[in-house]
Amino acid sequence: MNTATPNELHRKLADVSDLIAGTRPGNRHQHLTKLHELVGDFSRKGLNVPPNLRRLQEDLTNEAIESRFDNMPI
């Protein structure tokens, strides 16, 4: 059970955002699992998911999809 407070969740969001910002663009999607967990944490607490978290999750999801196609032979 997650007992994180709203402030702790926002701090975790800042930490994950910083981690992603420090990652090379082609590898950022590797942190997508952390974002999914964080979105779930906000939802389980009954809190609105911050728009910047939703946007980042969407961006990394798109990057993950694109990376699959980058490795496909033509």
N, C-alpha and C. Protein backbone atom coordinates (compact mmCIF):
# COMPACT_ATOMS: atom_id res chain seq x y z
N MET A 1 0.85 -1.18 0.00
CA MET A 1 0.00 0.00 0.00
C MET A 1 0.89 1.25 0.00
N ASN A 2 0.54 2.23 -0.81
CA ASN A 2 1.32 3.44 -0.94
C ASN A 2 0.86 4.45 0.10
N THR A 3 1.79 4.88 0.96
CA THR A 3 1.44 5.83 2.00
C THR A 3 2.06 7.20 1.75
N ALA A 4 2.50 7.45 0.53
CA ALA A 4 3.13 8.73 0.20
C ALA A 4 2.11 9.86 0.31
N THR A 5 2.57 10.97 0.83
CA THR A 5 1.73 12.16 0.93
C THR A 5 1.73 12.87 -0.43
N PRO A 6 0.78 13.75 -0.65
CA PRO A 6 0.78 14.51 -1.90
C PRO A 6 2.10 15.25 -2.14
N ASN A 7 2.69 15.83 -1.08
CA ASN A 7 3.97 16.52 -1.24
C ASN A 7 5.07 15.56 -1.67
N GLU A 8 5.06 14.36 -1.11
CA GLU A 8 6.06 13.35 -1.49
C GLU A 8 5.88 12.93 -2.94
N LEU A 9 4.64 12.82 -3.38
CA LEU A 9 4.38 12.46 -4.77
C LEU A 9 4.89 13.55 -5.71
N HIS A 10 4.67 14.79 -5.35
CA HIS A 10 5.16 15.89 -6.20
C HIS A 10 6.69 15.95 -6.20
N ARG A 11 7.30 15.63 -5.08
CA ARG A 11 8.76 15.58 -5.02
C ARG A 11 9.28 14.42 -5.88
N LYS A 12 8.58 13.28 -5.82
CA LYS A 12 8.95 12.14 -6.65
C LYS A 12 8.81 12.49 -8.13
N LEU A 13 7.76 13.23 -8.48
CA LEU A 13 7.57 13.69 -9.85
C LEU A 13 8.74 14.56 -10.29
N ALA A 14 9.17 15.47 -9.43
CA ALA A 14 10.31 16.33 -9.75
C ALA A 14 11.57 15.50 -9.94
N ASP A 15 11.77 14.50 -9.09
CA ASP A 15 12.96 13.64 -9.20
C ASP A 15 12.96 12.85 -10.50
N VAL A 16 11.81 12.26 -10.84
CA VAL A 16 11.71 11.48 -12.07
C VAL A 16 11.86 12.39 -13.29
N SER A 17 11.28 13.58 -13.23
CA SER A 17 11.41 14.54 -14.34
C SER A 17 12.87 14.93 -14.54
N ASP A 18 13.59 15.15 -13.45
CA ASP A 18 15.01 15.48 -13.54
C ASP A 18 15.81 14.33 -14.11
N LEU A 19 15.49 13.12 -13.69
CA LEU A 19 16.16 11.93 -14.21
C LEU A 19 15.96 11.83 -15.72
N ILE A 20 14.74 12.02 -16.16
CA ILE A 20 14.42 11.93 -17.59
C ILE A 20 15.11 13.06 -18.36
N ALA A 21 15.10 14.24 -17.79
CA ALA A 21 15.74 15.39 -18.46
C ALA A 21 17.24 15.15 -18.64
N GLY A 22 17.85 14.39 -17.75
CA GLY A 22 19.27 14.10 -17.84
C GLY A 22 19.62 12.89 -18.69
N THR A 23 18.62 12.30 -19.31
CA THR A 23 18.82 11.11 -20.13
C THR A 23 18.84 11.50 -21.60
N ARG A 24 19.70 10.84 -22.36
CA ARG A 24 19.78 11.12 -23.80
C ARG A 24 18.42 10.94 -24.45
N PRO A 25 18.09 11.80 -25.42
CA PRO A 25 16.76 11.76 -26.06
C PRO A 25 16.33 10.38 -26.57
N GLY A 26 17.18 9.61 -27.12
CA GLY A 26 16.78 8.31 -27.65
C GLY A 26 16.53 7.25 -26.60
N ASN A 27 16.88 7.56 -25.35
CA ASN A 27 16.76 6.57 -24.27
C ASN A 27 15.77 6.97 -23.19
N ARG A 28 15.15 8.11 -23.33
CA ARG A 28 14.24 8.60 -22.28
C ARG A 28 13.08 7.65 -22.02
N HIS A 29 12.62 6.96 -23.05
CA HIS A 29 11.46 6.08 -22.89
C HIS A 29 11.73 4.91 -21.94
N GLN A 30 13.00 4.68 -21.61
CA GLN A 30 13.34 3.60 -20.68
C GLN A 30 12.82 3.89 -19.27
N HIS A 31 12.44 5.11 -19.00
CA HIS A 31 11.90 5.50 -17.69
C HIS A 31 10.38 5.50 -17.67
N LEU A 32 9.77 4.98 -18.70
CA LEU A 32 8.31 5.00 -18.82
C LEU A 32 7.64 4.24 -17.68
N THR A 33 8.23 3.15 -17.24
CA THR A 33 7.65 2.37 -16.14
C THR A 33 7.54 3.22 -14.88
N LYS A 34 8.56 4.02 -14.60
CA LYS A 34 8.52 4.90 -13.42
C LYS A 34 7.36 5.89 -13.54
N LEU A 35 7.14 6.40 -14.75
CA LEU A 35 6.03 7.34 -14.94
C LEU A 35 4.68 6.66 -14.75
N HIS A 36 4.53 5.45 -15.28
CA HIS A 36 3.28 4.72 -15.10
C HIS A 36 3.00 4.49 -13.61
N GLU A 37 4.04 4.13 -12.87
CA GLU A 37 3.88 3.92 -11.43
C GLU A 37 3.46 5.21 -10.73
N LEU A 38 4.07 6.31 -11.12
CA LEU A 38 3.77 7.59 -10.51
C LEU A 38 2.34 8.03 -10.81
N VAL A 39 1.90 7.84 -12.05
CA VAL A 39 0.51 8.15 -12.40
C VAL A 39 -0.43 7.31 -11.54
N GLY A 40 -0.11 6.03 -11.38
CA GLY A 40 -0.92 5.16 -10.53
C GLY A 40 -0.94 5.62 -9.09
N ASP A 41 0.21 6.09 -8.58
CA ASP A 41 0.27 6.59 -7.21
C ASP A 41 -0.66 7.79 -7.02
N PHE A 42 -0.63 8.72 -7.97
CA PHE A 42 -1.53 9.87 -7.88
C PHE A 42 -2.99 9.42 -7.91
N SER A 43 -3.31 8.51 -8.82
CA SER A 43 -4.69 8.05 -8.96
C SER A 43 -5.17 7.32 -7.71
N ARG A 44 -4.33 6.45 -7.16
CA ARG A 44 -4.72 5.70 -5.96
C ARG A 44 -4.95 6.63 -4.77
N LYS A 45 -4.26 7.75 -4.74
CA LYS A 45 -4.46 8.74 -3.68
C LYS A 45 -5.70 9.60 -3.93
N GLY A 46 -6.31 9.44 -5.10
CA GLY A 46 -7.48 10.25 -5.43
C GLY A 46 -7.10 11.67 -5.85
N LEU A 47 -5.85 11.84 -6.26
CA LEU A 47 -5.36 13.15 -6.67
C LEU A 47 -5.41 13.28 -8.18
N ASN A 48 -5.59 14.50 -8.65
CA ASN A 48 -5.51 14.75 -10.08
C ASN A 48 -4.06 14.55 -10.52
N VAL A 49 -3.90 13.87 -11.64
CA VAL A 49 -2.56 13.70 -12.19
C VAL A 49 -2.15 15.02 -12.81
N PRO A 50 -0.99 15.56 -12.41
CA PRO A 50 -0.55 16.84 -12.96
C PRO A 50 -0.43 16.78 -14.49
N PRO A 51 -0.86 17.84 -15.16
CA PRO A 51 -0.81 17.84 -16.64
C PRO A 51 0.59 17.60 -17.19
N ASN A 52 1.62 18.13 -16.52
CA ASN A 52 2.97 17.91 -17.02
C ASN A 52 3.39 16.44 -16.93
N LEU A 53 2.86 15.72 -15.94
CA LEU A 53 3.13 14.29 -15.84
C LEU A 53 2.43 13.53 -16.97
N ARG A 54 1.19 13.89 -17.24
CA ARG A 54 0.47 13.26 -18.36
C ARG A 54 1.18 13.52 -19.69
N ARG A 55 1.63 14.76 -19.89
CA ARG A 55 2.33 15.12 -21.13
C ARG A 55 3.63 14.34 -21.27
N LEU A 56 4.38 14.25 -20.18
CA LEU A 56 5.65 13.52 -20.21
C LEU A 56 5.40 12.04 -20.49
N GLN A 57 4.38 11.50 -19.88
CA GLN A 57 4.04 10.09 -20.11
C GLN A 57 3.67 9.87 -21.58
N GLU A 58 2.90 10.77 -22.14
CA GLU A 58 2.52 10.67 -23.54
C GLU A 58 3.74 10.79 -24.46
N ASP A 59 4.61 11.74 -24.15
CA ASP A 59 5.82 11.92 -24.96
C ASP A 59 6.70 10.68 -24.94
N LEU A 60 6.90 10.11 -23.76
CA LEU A 60 7.76 8.93 -23.66
C LEU A 60 7.10 7.70 -24.27
N THR A 61 5.79 7.61 -24.20
CA THR A 61 5.08 6.52 -24.87
C THR A 61 5.30 6.61 -26.38
N ASN A 62 5.19 7.82 -26.92
CA ASN A 62 5.44 8.01 -28.35
C ASN A 62 6.89 7.67 -28.71
N GLU A 63 7.83 8.06 -27.86
CA GLU A 63 9.23 7.72 -28.10
C GLU A 63 9.45 6.22 -28.09
N ALA A 64 8.79 5.52 -27.17
CA ALA A 64 8.93 4.07 -27.10
C ALA A 64 8.39 3.41 -28.37
N ILE A 65 7.28 3.90 -28.87
CA ILE A 65 6.70 3.36 -30.11
C ILE A 65 7.64 3.62 -31.27
N GLU A 66 8.14 4.85 -31.36
CA GLU A 66 9.07 5.19 -32.44
C GLU A 66 10.34 4.36 -32.40
N SER A 67 10.82 4.07 -31.20
CA SER A 67 12.07 3.29 -31.09
C SER A 67 11.89 1.88 -31.62
N ARG A 68 10.69 1.36 -31.53
CA ARG A 68 10.43 0.02 -32.08
C ARG A 68 10.55 0.03 -33.60
N PHE A 69 10.09 1.09 -34.22
CA PHE A 69 10.13 1.18 -35.67
C PHE A 69 11.51 1.56 -36.18
N ASP A 70 12.31 2.25 -35.36
CA ASP A 70 13.66 2.61 -35.76
C ASP A 70 14.53 1.38 -36.00
N ASN A 71 14.22 0.30 -35.35
CA ASN A 71 15.04 -0.91 -35.44
C ASN A 71 14.49 -1.93 -36.44
N MET A 72 13.45 -1.57 -37.17
CA MET A 72 12.86 -2.51 -38.12
C MET A 72 13.62 -2.45 -39.45
N PRO A 73 13.95 -3.61 -39.99
CA PRO A 73 14.61 -3.60 -41.31
C PRO A 73 13.63 -3.15 -42.39
N ILE A 74 14.17 -2.55 -43.41
CA ILE A 74 13.32 -2.06 -44.51
C ILE A 74 13.35 -3.06 -45.64
